[in-house]
Amino acid sequence: MQRSLITPHVRVRGAALQHVVSPTTWRDALRLDFSRTSVAAPLRVGVAVGVVLIVGALLGLRDLAGLAALGALVSAFCRPDPYPVRAPRLIALGIGVTAVIAVGATMGTYANSIVTEIVVTAVLAGIACYAVSALRIVGPGAVIFVFAATGAAGYAHSAADIGRATLASAIGAVIGILIALAPWFVELLRSRLLKSRTHDAASKTAPAQRESIWVTLAGGQAPAHRKHLAVTAIRIAIAAAIAATIAVAIHLDHPMWAAMGAVAAMQGVEYHLTVRRGVQRLLGNLGGAVIAGILLAVPLGYWGAVAGIVIFQVLAEILSTVNYALCSLAVTPMALLLTGLSAGLSPEAAVDRVLDTAIGIVVGIVVAALAVRGHDIAALHGHAANAPLADAEPELSQPNSASNRSRS
């Protein structure tokens, strides 16, 4: 009797793991989709990041410019949303990334063990995943918040550093929000200047539907969906903790990169998206690590690094809707150059990035497979049969779960 109960579970999880090596999975991972490519929004993200890095250097605050740039990355979120909907979401994200950097800086200052860092980072990852998915936010996803916390932890060594890091990220977030909403501000100004056209435009355009962020965050009137998101967030937190622990056990220098690898792979709510993202992220990181290793070996200096960060950030945003592997190809050198602004990374860090990412991806896929449900397997078969175009879910532009997803 007991064996008959166990066998179906073993079969389901075996089928889930088998999907990892399925030719369909790898074909999906390599499929390109140019139908939703845009340039204007990626350029705005690049401008936001570039502005804070340049201003930070001119003010003699190069060590804080990287944290401000992490705050400015909120400009990469919510690209498909109407501006009236996007504005409050970006503000909420700005507050969130600032809070995460404050927590990360506090952790870097006061945490006296790697265990504490792993636990705090994993909890932050779970909370961020739930919030981003519940709010149906399209963009880089929760991995940005983990990246921000890790960066702040590496920077801060005193109580004063906590305040500086928090203020820098808040300023960066404000700049990112203003630049992301710049077209809306221009349109509002134009409408005010052309009052005669304002009434006509208002009559032709249906107002965007709005919902309180707190209502959305609580899951609205769908407790089953809310529970599913909470369970997914817990799984992601567990995977992040396991991945970081393994990285520590084998003496890798940047164990939180492994946690980020697990989070990035598992950001998609559906299992087949977790597998595809894992494959794409691994392929992208391999290529990106080669690029990053070359750049880290060259004496770029601060301004050369800034130019590289902006270029790769814009490329990542453009490629985010084309293919996540290509997006990761650009994200990897961008992230390492940004980290190197304050940490002074060597070319060997690129190798660490690949190893940490591989650990995170493997752990993420295994945890997802162990927690997979029967209807997820049915969805896998349906997905393979239909072979749909890849819903690109990039790290720096990824849909997180529900509604208008196909773009972190």
Foldseek 3Di string as FASTA:
>chain_A
DVVVVVVVLVVLLVLLVVLLPDPLLVVLQPFWDQPPFDQPLLLLLLVLLLVLCVVCVVVVNLLQSLLLNLLLLLSQKDVVPDLVASLVVLVVVSVLLLVLLLVLLVCLAPPDDVLVVLLVLLVQLLVQLLLQALLQMWFLGSLSSSLSSPLSSVRHHDPVSSVSSSVSSSNSSVSNSCSSCVVVVVVVVVCVVVVVCVVVVPVVDDDDDDDDSVCSSCVNPDVVVSVLSNVLSNLLSVLLSVLLVVCVVVPQPRSNLLSSLQSQLSLASALSSSSSSLVLLLLLLVLLLVVLLVVLQDCCDSVNLSVLLSVLSSQLSSCQQTHQSSSNVSVNNNSVSSSCSNVVDHSCVSVSSSVSNNSSSVSNSSSCSSVDDPVSSVVVVVCSVVVDNQLRAYNGTGGGYDDPGRGD
